[in-house]
Protein backbone atom coordinates (compact mmCIF):
# COMPACT_ATOMS: atom_id res chain seq x y z
CA MET A 1 -11.87 -3.72 9.61
CA MET A 2 -7.63 -4.25 9.85
CA ASP A 3 -8.40 -8.55 8.47
CA ILE A 4 -9.88 -7.24 5.78
CA VAL A 5 -6.99 -4.46 4.65
CA ILE A 6 -4.16 -6.74 5.97
CA SER A 7 -5.71 -9.83 3.33
CA MET A 8 -6.52 -7.95 0.42
CA GLY A 9 -2.89 -6.09 0.81
CA PHE A 10 -1.45 -10.02 0.68
CA VAL A 11 -3.87 -10.83 -2.11
CA GLY A 12 -2.80 -7.57 -3.90
CA VAL A 13 1.25 -8.55 -3.50
CA MET A 14 0.85 -12.26 -4.02
CA LEU A 15 -0.89 -11.65 -7.49
CA SER A 16 1.28 -9.06 -8.12
CA MET A 17 4.40 -11.25 -7.84
CA LEU A 18 2.67 -13.75 -9.84
CA GLY A 19 1.39 -11.82 -12.89
CA MET A 20 5.74 -9.95 -12.29
CA GLY A 21 7.48 -12.40 -12.29
CA LEU A 22 5.32 -14.42 -14.95
CA LEU A 23 5.73 -11.33 -17.59
CA ILE A 24 9.26 -10.71 -16.11
CA ALA A 25 11.16 -15.08 -16.46
CA TYR A 26 9.16 -15.32 -20.39
CA TYR A 27 10.41 -12.25 -21.63
CA GLY A 28 13.25 -10.68 -20.04
CA SER A 29 16.44 -11.06 -20.68
CA SER A 30 19.26 -13.63 -18.66
CA LYS A 31 19.55 -10.92 -15.78
CA THR A 32 16.00 -9.83 -15.58
CA ARG A 33 14.82 -13.39 -15.57
CA ASN A 34 16.48 -13.80 -12.19
CA VAL A 35 14.23 -11.74 -10.64
CA GLY A 36 11.73 -12.50 -12.57
CA PHE A 37 12.43 -15.94 -10.94
CA LEU A 38 12.87 -14.72 -7.13
CA PHE A 39 9.36 -13.01 -8.00
CA LEU A 40 7.89 -16.26 -8.49
CA ILE A 41 9.15 -17.46 -5.65
CA VAL A 42 8.13 -14.03 -3.27
CA GLY A 43 4.56 -14.47 -4.35
CA ALA A 44 4.15 -18.31 -3.83
CA GLY A 45 5.64 -18.26 -0.34
CA ILE A 46 3.05 -15.30 -0.32
CA ALA A 47 0.35 -17.99 -1.54
CA TYR A 48 1.93 -20.89 0.44
CA TYR A 49 1.54 -18.19 4.00
CA ILE A 50 -1.87 -17.03 3.28
CA THR A 51 -3.45 -19.94 2.31
CA LEU A 52 -2.70 -21.98 5.73
CA PRO A 53 -5.23 -22.42 8.58
CA GLU A 54 -3.85 -20.68 11.39
CA THR A 55 -2.56 -17.63 9.60
CA TYR A 56 -5.45 -15.70 8.08
CA ALA A 57 -8.40 -18.19 8.42
CA ASP A 58 -11.09 -16.06 9.84
CA VAL A 59 -13.96 -14.85 7.96
CA ALA A 60 -12.53 -11.14 7.46
CA PHE A 61 -9.63 -13.01 5.64
CA MET A 62 -11.67 -14.65 3.55
CA ASN A 63 -14.46 -11.78 2.67
CA GLY A 64 -10.88 -9.67 1.91
CA MET A 65 -9.81 -11.64 -0.85
CA LEU A 66 -13.17 -12.01 -2.03
CA ALA A 67 -13.57 -8.17 -2.21
CA PHE A 68 -10.28 -7.77 -3.75
CA VAL A 69 -10.73 -10.36 -5.99
CA GLY A 70 -14.14 -9.10 -7.51
CA GLY A 71 -12.91 -5.72 -7.63
CA MET A 72 -10.03 -7.45 -9.28
CA VAL A 73 -12.55 -9.43 -12.45
CA GLY A 74 -14.97 -6.22 -11.96
CA GLY A 75 -11.95 -4.07 -13.00
CA ILE A 76 -11.11 -5.97 -16.06
CA ILE A 77 -14.67 -6.42 -17.54
CA GLY A 78 -14.64 -2.85 -16.99
CA ILE A 79 -11.78 -2.39 -19.31
CA ILE A 80 -12.40 -5.21 -22.00
CA VAL A 81 -16.24 -3.22 -22.39
CA PHE A 82 -14.07 0.19 -23.01
CA LEU A 83 -11.63 -0.86 -25.22
CA VAL A 84 -14.55 -3.61 -27.55
CA ALA A 85 -17.02 0.38 -27.75
CA ILE A 86 -13.16 2.52 -28.90
CA ILE A 87 -12.56 -0.84 -31.46
CA LYS A 88 -16.31 -0.55 -32.49
CA SER A 89 -16.50 3.20 -33.28
């Protein structure tokens, strides 16, 4: 059970670091762009760490990653359906 929690936490931190890093590096001013690039490096480091075979290559970790990504995709689809319903009405 803890493997699933840890894997979902790692994937969540990795995706948020990569997403925030991309946005800050692109839209930020000169000072904040450096922070955006730092976020990108940290996110890439976490992505590299969790894909190492000896780190968390067991079934529980992969199930946690799939559960998190599935939840994110479901949430995004729900938001899109909600926005389309509001725009159409």
